[in-house]
Structures are given as C-alpha cells and as structure tokens.
N, C-alpha and C. Protein backbone atom coordinates (compact mmCIF):
# COMPACT_ATOMS: atom_id res chain seq x y z
N UNK A 1 -1.56 -8.48 -11.33
CA UNK A 1 -2.72 -8.25 -10.51
C UNK A 1 -2.58 -6.90 -9.81
N UNK A 2 -3.71 -6.27 -9.60
CA UNK A 2 -3.74 -5.04 -8.83
C UNK A 2 -3.92 -5.37 -7.35
N UNK A 3 -3.24 -4.61 -6.51
CA UNK A 3 -3.35 -4.76 -5.06
C UNK A 3 -3.64 -3.41 -4.43
N UNK A 4 -4.42 -3.44 -3.37
CA UNK A 4 -4.55 -2.29 -2.49
C UNK A 4 -3.71 -2.56 -1.26
N UNK A 5 -2.96 -1.57 -0.86
CA UNK A 5 -2.14 -1.65 0.35
C UNK A 5 -2.65 -0.56 1.27
N UNK A 6 -3.03 -0.94 2.48
CA UNK A 6 -3.56 0.01 3.44
C UNK A 6 -2.89 -0.21 4.77
N UNK A 7 -2.62 0.87 5.49
CA UNK A 7 -1.99 0.73 6.79
C UNK A 7 -2.56 1.75 7.76
N UNK A 8 -2.52 1.40 9.05
CA UNK A 8 -2.86 2.30 10.14
C UNK A 8 -1.64 2.39 11.03
N UNK A 9 -1.20 3.59 11.29
CA UNK A 9 -0.11 3.82 12.23
C UNK A 9 -0.76 4.10 13.57
N UNK A 10 -0.47 3.29 14.59
CA UNK A 10 -1.22 3.28 15.83
C UNK A 10 -1.08 4.54 16.67
N UNK A 11 0.07 5.19 16.65
CA UNK A 11 0.27 6.37 17.48
C UNK A 11 -0.03 7.63 16.69
N UNK A 12 -0.75 8.58 17.27
CA UNK A 12 -1.06 9.83 16.57
C UNK A 12 0.22 10.54 16.12
N UNK A 13 0.14 11.12 14.93
CA UNK A 13 1.26 11.91 14.43
C UNK A 13 2.37 11.13 13.76
N UNK A 14 2.23 9.82 13.67
CA UNK A 14 3.28 9.03 13.03
C UNK A 14 3.27 9.24 11.52
N UNK A 15 4.42 9.22 10.94
CA UNK A 15 4.58 9.30 9.49
C UNK A 15 5.83 8.51 9.16
N UNK A 16 5.69 7.46 8.43
CA UNK A 16 6.81 6.59 8.16
C UNK A 16 7.31 6.76 6.73
N UNK A 17 8.31 7.59 6.52
CA UNK A 17 8.87 7.74 5.18
C UNK A 17 9.38 6.42 4.62
N UNK A 18 9.84 5.52 5.49
CA UNK A 18 10.41 4.25 5.01
C UNK A 18 9.35 3.39 4.34
N UNK A 19 8.17 3.25 4.96
CA UNK A 19 7.14 2.41 4.32
C UNK A 19 6.60 3.08 3.08
N UNK A 20 6.47 4.40 3.11
CA UNK A 20 6.02 5.10 1.92
C UNK A 20 7.01 4.90 0.77
N UNK A 21 8.29 5.01 1.06
CA UNK A 21 9.31 4.78 0.04
C UNK A 21 9.29 3.35 -0.47
N UNK A 22 9.06 2.39 0.42
CA UNK A 22 9.00 0.98 0.01
C UNK A 22 7.81 0.72 -0.90
N UNK A 23 6.66 1.31 -0.57
CA UNK A 23 5.48 1.14 -1.42
C UNK A 23 5.71 1.80 -2.78
N UNK A 24 6.29 2.99 -2.78
CA UNK A 24 6.60 3.65 -4.05
C UNK A 24 7.61 2.83 -4.86
N UNK A 25 8.53 2.17 -4.16
CA UNK A 25 9.51 1.32 -4.84
C UNK A 25 8.87 0.13 -5.54
N UNK A 26 7.70 -0.28 -5.06
CA UNK A 26 6.94 -1.35 -5.71
C UNK A 26 6.12 -0.83 -6.89
N UNK A 27 6.18 0.47 -7.11
CA UNK A 27 5.37 1.09 -8.16
C UNK A 27 4.03 1.57 -7.65
N UNK A 28 3.86 1.59 -6.34
CA UNK A 28 2.60 2.00 -5.75
C UNK A 28 2.34 3.49 -5.86
N UNK A 29 1.08 3.82 -5.99
CA UNK A 29 0.64 5.21 -6.00
C UNK A 29 -0.44 5.37 -4.93
N UNK A 30 -0.40 6.51 -4.27
CA UNK A 30 -1.35 6.80 -3.20
C UNK A 30 -2.70 7.14 -3.82
N UNK A 31 -3.75 6.42 -3.37
CA UNK A 31 -5.11 6.71 -3.84
C UNK A 31 -5.94 7.38 -2.75
N UNK A 32 -5.63 7.12 -1.49
CA UNK A 32 -6.19 7.79 -0.33
C UNK A 32 -5.05 7.99 0.65
N UNK A 33 -5.24 8.70 1.75
CA UNK A 33 -4.12 9.05 2.61
C UNK A 33 -3.29 7.87 3.07
N UNK A 34 -3.92 6.79 3.49
CA UNK A 34 -3.16 5.62 3.95
C UNK A 34 -3.46 4.39 3.10
N UNK A 35 -3.88 4.61 1.87
CA UNK A 35 -4.21 3.51 0.96
C UNK A 35 -3.49 3.75 -0.36
N UNK A 36 -2.84 2.71 -0.82
CA UNK A 36 -2.04 2.76 -2.04
C UNK A 36 -2.50 1.67 -2.98
N UNK A 37 -2.29 1.85 -4.27
CA UNK A 37 -2.58 0.83 -5.27
C UNK A 37 -1.28 0.52 -6.02
N UNK A 38 -1.11 -0.75 -6.36
CA UNK A 38 0.08 -1.17 -7.07
C UNK A 38 -0.29 -2.31 -8.02
N UNK A 39 0.35 -2.35 -9.16
CA UNK A 39 0.24 -3.48 -10.07
C UNK A 39 1.50 -4.31 -9.91
N UNK A 40 1.34 -5.62 -9.64
CA UNK A 40 2.50 -6.47 -9.42
C UNK A 40 2.19 -7.91 -9.83
N UNK A 41 3.22 -8.63 -10.24
CA UNK A 41 3.09 -10.06 -10.51
C UNK A 41 3.38 -10.88 -9.26
N UNK A 42 3.79 -10.22 -8.18
CA UNK A 42 4.10 -10.89 -6.93
C UNK A 42 2.81 -11.20 -6.17
N UNK A 43 2.91 -12.07 -5.17
CA UNK A 43 1.75 -12.42 -4.36
C UNK A 43 1.51 -11.38 -3.28
N UNK A 44 0.28 -11.36 -2.77
CA UNK A 44 -0.04 -10.46 -1.65
C UNK A 44 0.87 -10.75 -0.46
N UNK A 45 1.14 -12.02 -0.20
CA UNK A 45 2.00 -12.38 0.93
C UNK A 45 3.41 -11.82 0.75
N UNK A 46 3.97 -11.93 -0.46
CA UNK A 46 5.31 -11.41 -0.70
C UNK A 46 5.38 -9.89 -0.53
N UNK A 47 4.36 -9.20 -1.02
CA UNK A 47 4.31 -7.75 -0.85
C UNK A 47 4.20 -7.41 0.64
N UNK A 48 3.30 -8.08 1.34
CA UNK A 48 3.14 -7.88 2.78
C UNK A 48 4.46 -8.10 3.52
N UNK A 49 5.15 -9.20 3.21
CA UNK A 49 6.41 -9.53 3.89
C UNK A 49 7.46 -8.44 3.67
N UNK A 50 7.48 -7.83 2.50
CA UNK A 50 8.41 -6.74 2.23
C UNK A 50 8.09 -5.49 3.05
N UNK A 51 6.80 -5.24 3.28
CA UNK A 51 6.39 -3.99 3.90
C UNK A 51 6.26 -4.05 5.41
N UNK A 52 5.88 -5.19 5.97
CA UNK A 52 5.59 -5.27 7.40
C UNK A 52 6.81 -4.93 8.25
N UNK A 53 7.98 -5.12 7.75
CA UNK A 53 9.19 -4.84 8.52
C UNK A 53 9.38 -3.35 8.81
N UNK A 54 8.66 -2.49 8.08
CA UNK A 54 8.78 -1.05 8.30
C UNK A 54 7.82 -0.53 9.37
N UNK A 55 6.97 -1.39 9.91
CA UNK A 55 5.94 -0.97 10.86
C UNK A 55 6.27 -1.42 12.27
N UNK A 56 5.70 -0.72 13.24
CA UNK A 56 5.77 -1.16 14.63
C UNK A 56 4.80 -2.31 14.83
N UNK A 57 4.97 -3.07 15.89
CA UNK A 57 4.12 -4.25 16.14
C UNK A 57 2.66 -3.89 16.39
N UNK A 58 2.36 -2.66 16.79
CA UNK A 58 0.97 -2.28 17.04
C UNK A 58 0.33 -1.58 15.84
N UNK A 59 1.05 -1.42 14.74
CA UNK A 59 0.49 -0.86 13.51
C UNK A 59 -0.25 -1.95 12.75
N UNK A 60 -1.03 -1.53 11.77
CA UNK A 60 -1.82 -2.49 10.97
C UNK A 60 -1.45 -2.36 9.49
N UNK A 61 -1.49 -3.50 8.79
CA UNK A 61 -1.15 -3.52 7.37
C UNK A 61 -2.05 -4.52 6.67
N UNK A 62 -2.64 -4.11 5.54
CA UNK A 62 -3.48 -4.98 4.73
C UNK A 62 -3.01 -4.89 3.28
N UNK A 63 -2.77 -6.04 2.68
CA UNK A 63 -2.47 -6.12 1.25
C UNK A 63 -3.50 -7.06 0.65
N UNK A 64 -4.30 -6.55 -0.26
CA UNK A 64 -5.37 -7.37 -0.82
C UNK A 64 -5.42 -7.21 -2.34
N UNK A 65 -5.62 -8.33 -3.04
CA UNK A 65 -5.74 -8.30 -4.49
C UNK A 65 -7.12 -7.83 -4.90
N UNK A 66 -7.16 -7.08 -5.99
CA UNK A 66 -8.44 -6.59 -6.53
C UNK A 66 -8.43 -6.77 -8.04
N UNK A 67 -9.62 -6.88 -8.61
CA UNK A 67 -9.68 -7.02 -10.06
C UNK A 67 -10.35 -5.82 -10.71
N UNK A 68 -10.66 -4.82 -9.94
CA UNK A 68 -11.23 -3.59 -10.48
C UNK A 68 -11.71 -2.72 -9.32
N UNK A 69 -12.02 -1.48 -9.62
CA UNK A 69 -12.50 -0.59 -8.57
C UNK A 69 -13.28 0.56 -9.18
N UNK A 70 -14.02 1.19 -8.34
CA UNK A 70 -14.69 2.44 -8.63
C UNK A 70 -14.28 3.40 -7.54
N UNK A 71 -14.06 4.62 -7.85
CA UNK A 71 -13.69 5.60 -6.85
C UNK A 71 -13.96 7.00 -7.35
N UNK A 72 -13.93 7.93 -6.44
CA UNK A 72 -14.07 9.32 -6.83
C UNK A 72 -13.02 10.14 -6.10
N UNK A 73 -12.52 11.12 -6.79
CA UNK A 73 -11.50 12.02 -6.24
C UNK A 73 -10.26 11.28 -5.74
N UNK A 74 -9.89 10.19 -6.42
CA UNK A 74 -8.69 9.46 -6.06
C UNK A 74 -7.47 10.32 -6.37
N UNK A 75 -6.43 10.10 -5.60
CA UNK A 75 -5.21 10.89 -5.78
C UNK A 75 -4.45 10.47 -7.03
N UNK A 76 -4.49 9.17 -7.39
CA UNK A 76 -3.78 8.65 -8.56
C UNK A 76 -4.24 7.22 -8.79
N UNK A 77 -3.88 6.66 -9.92
CA UNK A 77 -4.11 5.26 -10.24
C UNK A 77 -2.81 4.67 -10.78
N UNK A 78 -2.51 3.39 -10.43
CA UNK A 78 -1.27 2.78 -10.94
C UNK A 78 -1.42 2.36 -12.39
N UNK A 79 -0.33 2.38 -13.08
CA UNK A 79 -0.30 1.89 -14.46
C UNK A 79 -0.02 0.40 -14.45
N UNK A 80 -0.66 -0.34 -15.33
CA UNK A 80 -0.39 -1.77 -15.49
C UNK A 80 0.97 -1.93 -16.13
N UNK A 81 1.67 -2.97 -15.69
CA UNK A 81 2.99 -3.24 -16.26
C UNK A 81 2.86 -3.90 -17.61
C-alpha cells in the first residue's frame, strides 16, 4: 500500500534530520517539503509508531494510506516494491 507521511514541526526553524532519515529508511521519498510518500506492506499505525519517537510532543504527524494520487511539480514518487 502507498502511504503519505506528513509532519509539522511546531517551532520555527526546526529541521529534524532524524525523522527525515527514518522516513528515507522506510523507502520514503519527499513529494512536498513536509510530505513524503512510501510504499510499504506495514500498517499506518506501525509506520506512525516508528516515526513519532523522533518528534517533540507539540509536533504533528499524519500517516495515511492512499490508493492513488494526482499531483503537479512533485519532487519524486516512490517505487512499488
């Protein structure tokens, strides 16, 4: 299944190399500045549980399954496994 992973870092100027590295480790590719796409056989909950530990308690994280998309000027698209 394809998933979109999106996060908001609550404090201005934050940049978390750890969460970016964790998303890339899942095979994720950045499609917008704070939105990534990944193909995985894991559940949204499992992906969320892996990533939420890299964020502060006031940051936001969304992992949602998708079955297709339309976009323009995307940075990249993930390859299916």
